Amino acid sequence: MIVAVASRNPNKLRAVERAYMLFGIPASVVAAAKPAALPPQPIGLDAVVEGAVKRAEAALRAVAEAEHGVGIEAGVVAVAGRHLDITVAAVADRSGEVTLGFGPAFQVPTVFLKEVLSGVELGVLAERHFRRGAVGYREGIIGVLTRRRVTRLDLNLAAVAMALVPRLPYNTRLYGNDAT
């Protein structure tokens, strides 16, 4: 199966490869351009989910031979008076079915919160604060915060794996669809 991913970020591409492999689904992962109109730092759950879905659908449109398009989006959500960074994955197929999965979320450091809520990308703030380039293409801010015990790859992998759950052959009837 060919799977298009709306990103050129190696963390996202590897996460998709590993998620499909985890469930024994043979997949050739292909990078595709992300949609141009997405905000750099989505705020609110609806915006994060919408970004993941738009990415998945754009990936599917961009790669004609792909059976699945995958979009992975991270953003900030307010929960119980705190702000968390959460990763959402969407998997779209040619029938129009879209399945969603969430990865673990972590609390946004207070030192970054004001700028993040004004739309500055968390990764940009992390690069500036920690004086490290391309944090988002390596371990991610979560990798810096945990000293690589948990990385962006881990968060992306969990989100994509959860988005695949309704598509697993033994689960499709449980979800009332034939998403594959």
Protein backbone atom coordinates (compact mmCIF):
# COMPACT_ATOMS: atom_id res chain seq x y z
CA MET A 1 0.00 0.00 0.00
CA ILE A 2 1.23 3.50 -0.80
CA VAL A 3 0.68 6.00 2.00
CA ALA A 4 1.11 9.72 1.34
CA VAL A 5 2.05 11.97 4.26
CA ALA A 6 1.56 15.74 4.06
CA SER A 7 5.00 16.54 5.44
CA ARG A 8 8.66 16.31 4.68
CA ASN A 9 9.52 16.11 8.39
CA PRO A 10 11.49 12.88 8.96
CA ASN A 11 9.82 12.39 12.38
CA LYS A 12 6.39 12.31 10.80
CA LEU A 13 7.46 10.05 7.94
CA ARG A 14 9.15 7.57 10.30
CA ALA A 15 6.14 7.62 12.64
CA VAL A 16 3.81 6.68 9.79
CA GLU A 17 6.14 3.89 8.63
CA ARG A 18 6.36 2.50 12.16
CA ALA A 19 2.63 2.75 12.87
CA TYR A 20 1.73 0.76 9.76
CA MET A 21 4.51 -1.72 10.54
CA LEU A 22 3.23 -2.07 14.12
CA PHE A 23 -0.02 -3.48 12.76
CA GLY A 24 1.63 -5.54 10.01
CA ILE A 25 0.33 -3.33 7.21
CA PRO A 26 2.88 -3.22 4.37
CA ALA A 27 3.27 0.44 3.45
CA SER A 28 5.48 2.50 1.24
CA VAL A 29 5.47 6.01 2.73
CA VAL A 30 5.73 8.97 0.37
CA ALA A 31 6.17 12.62 1.39
CA ALA A 32 3.77 15.19 -0.05
CA ALA A 33 3.52 18.95 0.36
CA LYS A 34 1.38 20.21 3.21
CA PRO A 35 -1.50 22.58 2.46
CA ALA A 36 -0.29 26.18 2.30
CA ALA A 37 -3.16 27.75 4.25
CA LEU A 38 -2.55 26.03 7.59
CA PRO A 39 -1.66 28.20 10.59
CA PRO A 40 1.85 27.59 11.97
CA GLN A 41 0.50 27.10 15.51
CA PRO A 42 -3.07 25.79 15.74
CA ILE A 43 -4.88 26.79 18.92
CA GLY A 44 -7.87 24.78 20.13
CA LEU A 45 -8.82 21.17 19.55
CA ASP A 46 -10.99 21.88 16.52
CA ALA A 47 -8.13 23.75 14.82
CA VAL A 48 -5.65 20.95 15.52
CA VAL A 49 -8.03 18.26 14.23
CA GLU A 50 -8.89 20.38 11.19
CA GLY A 51 -5.18 20.76 10.40
CA ALA A 52 -4.62 17.00 10.58
CA VAL A 53 -7.63 16.28 8.37
CA LYS A 54 -6.67 18.92 5.79
CA ARG A 55 -3.15 17.51 5.67
CA ALA A 56 -4.45 13.94 5.18
CA GLU A 57 -6.81 14.95 2.39
CA ALA A 58 -4.14 17.08 0.68
CA ALA A 59 -1.65 14.18 0.80
CA LEU A 60 -4.20 11.87 -0.81
CA ARG A 61 -4.87 14.40 -3.58
CA ALA A 62 -1.15 14.99 -4.17
CA VAL A 63 -0.19 11.34 -4.68
CA ALA A 64 -2.54 9.72 -7.20
CA GLU A 65 -1.44 6.15 -6.45
CA ALA A 66 -1.78 6.48 -2.65
CA GLU A 67 -4.50 4.48 -0.90
CA HIS A 68 -4.18 6.47 2.31
CA GLY A 69 -3.29 10.07 3.06
CA VAL A 70 -1.97 10.86 6.53
CA GLY A 71 -1.91 14.21 8.26
CA ILE A 72 -0.20 14.86 11.57
CA GLU A 73 -0.78 18.15 13.36
CA ALA A 74 0.33 19.38 16.77
CA GLY A 75 -1.27 22.30 18.52
CA VAL A 76 -2.30 23.76 21.83
CA VAL A 77 -5.53 22.99 23.67
CA ALA A 78 -6.89 24.42 26.91
CA VAL A 79 -7.79 21.81 29.52
CA ALA A 80 -8.69 22.42 33.16
CA GLY A 81 -7.03 25.83 33.22
CA ARG A 82 -3.83 24.58 31.60
CA HIS A 83 -2.54 24.52 28.05
CA LEU A 84 -1.36 21.27 26.55
CA ASP A 85 0.46 20.51 23.32
CA ILE A 86 -1.31 17.60 21.63
CA THR A 87 -0.62 15.66 18.45
CA VAL A 88 -3.52 14.57 16.26
CA ALA A 89 -3.30 12.24 13.27
CA ALA A 90 -5.86 11.75 10.52
CA VAL A 91 -5.92 8.94 7.97
CA ALA A 92 -8.02 9.54 4.85
CA ASP A 93 -8.84 7.05 2.11
CA ARG A 94 -10.25 7.20 -1.41
CA SER A 95 -13.79 6.45 -0.19
CA GLY A 96 -13.77 9.70 1.80
CA GLU A 97 -13.47 8.01 5.18
CA VAL A 98 -11.27 9.82 7.71
CA THR A 99 -10.20 8.25 10.99
CA LEU A 100 -8.56 10.15 13.85
CA GLY A 101 -6.06 9.39 16.58
CA PHE A 102 -4.52 11.40 19.37
CA GLY A 103 -1.06 11.13 20.85
CA PRO A 104 -0.03 11.93 24.39
CA ALA A 105 -0.25 15.58 25.38
CA PHE A 106 2.09 17.57 27.61
CA GLN A 107 1.80 20.89 29.39
CA VAL A 108 3.21 23.85 27.46
CA PRO A 109 6.01 25.50 29.46
CA THR A 110 4.76 28.73 31.04
CA VAL A 111 7.71 30.66 29.62
CA PHE A 112 6.40 30.02 26.08
CA LEU A 113 2.66 30.28 26.69
CA LYS A 114 1.98 33.94 25.88
CA GLU A 115 3.75 33.79 22.52
CA VAL A 116 2.26 30.40 21.64
CA LEU A 117 -1.25 31.70 22.28
CA SER A 118 -0.50 34.65 19.99
CA GLY A 119 0.32 32.19 17.17
CA VAL A 120 4.09 31.72 17.41
CA GLU A 121 5.03 28.11 16.72
CA LEU A 122 6.16 26.25 19.83
CA GLY A 123 9.10 24.71 17.96
CA VAL A 124 10.40 28.15 16.97
CA LEU A 125 10.26 29.28 20.59
CA ALA A 126 12.05 26.11 21.72
CA GLU A 127 14.81 26.60 19.14
CA ARG A 128 15.34 30.17 20.28
CA HIS A 129 15.18 29.39 24.01
CA PHE A 130 17.38 26.30 23.96
CA ARG A 131 19.65 27.65 21.18
CA ARG A 132 19.19 24.53 19.07
CA GLY A 133 18.20 24.50 15.44
CA ALA A 134 15.62 22.22 13.83
CA VAL A 135 14.24 20.93 17.13
CA GLY A 136 10.99 19.92 15.40
CA TYR A 137 12.90 17.85 12.85
CA ARG A 138 14.82 16.06 15.56
CA GLU A 139 13.57 15.20 19.04
CA GLY A 140 10.92 17.93 19.24
CA ILE A 141 10.39 20.16 22.24
CA ILE A 142 9.18 17.12 24.20
CA GLY A 143 12.55 15.49 23.54
CA VAL A 144 14.35 18.55 24.88
CA LEU A 145 12.07 18.72 27.93
CA THR A 146 12.51 15.00 28.72
CA ARG A 147 16.16 14.75 27.67
CA ARG A 148 15.09 12.43 24.83
CA ARG A 149 13.28 9.95 27.05
CA VAL A 150 10.16 10.81 25.05
CA THR A 151 10.53 12.29 21.57
CA ARG A 152 8.36 13.84 18.91
CA LEU A 153 8.60 10.56 17.02
CA ASP A 154 6.94 8.82 19.99
CA LEU A 155 4.05 11.30 20.06
CA ASN A 156 3.55 11.10 16.29
CA LEU A 157 3.71 7.29 16.30
CA ALA A 158 1.07 7.04 19.03
CA ALA A 159 -1.29 9.41 17.19
CA VAL A 160 -0.98 7.58 13.85
CA ALA A 161 -1.36 4.17 15.49
CA MET A 162 -4.58 5.33 17.17
CA ALA A 163 -5.90 6.69 13.85
CA LEU A 164 -5.34 3.25 12.32
CA VAL A 165 -7.32 1.35 14.98
CA PRO A 166 -10.73 1.64 13.23
CA ARG A 167 -9.08 0.50 9.98
CA LEU A 168 -7.69 -2.76 11.32
CA PRO A 169 -9.51 -5.65 9.62
CA TYR A 170 -10.67 -7.13 12.91
CA ASN A 171 -12.14 -3.79 14.05
CA THR A 172 -14.07 -2.44 11.07
CA ARG A 173 -17.42 -3.93 12.12
CA LEU A 174 -16.97 -2.52 15.62
CA TYR A 175 -16.82 0.96 14.13
CA GLY A 176 -19.80 0.48 11.84
CA ASN A 177 -17.84 1.10 8.68
CA ASP A 178 -15.54 -0.60 6.28
CA ALA A 179 -12.64 1.84 6.63
CA THR A 180 -9.52 0.11 5.37
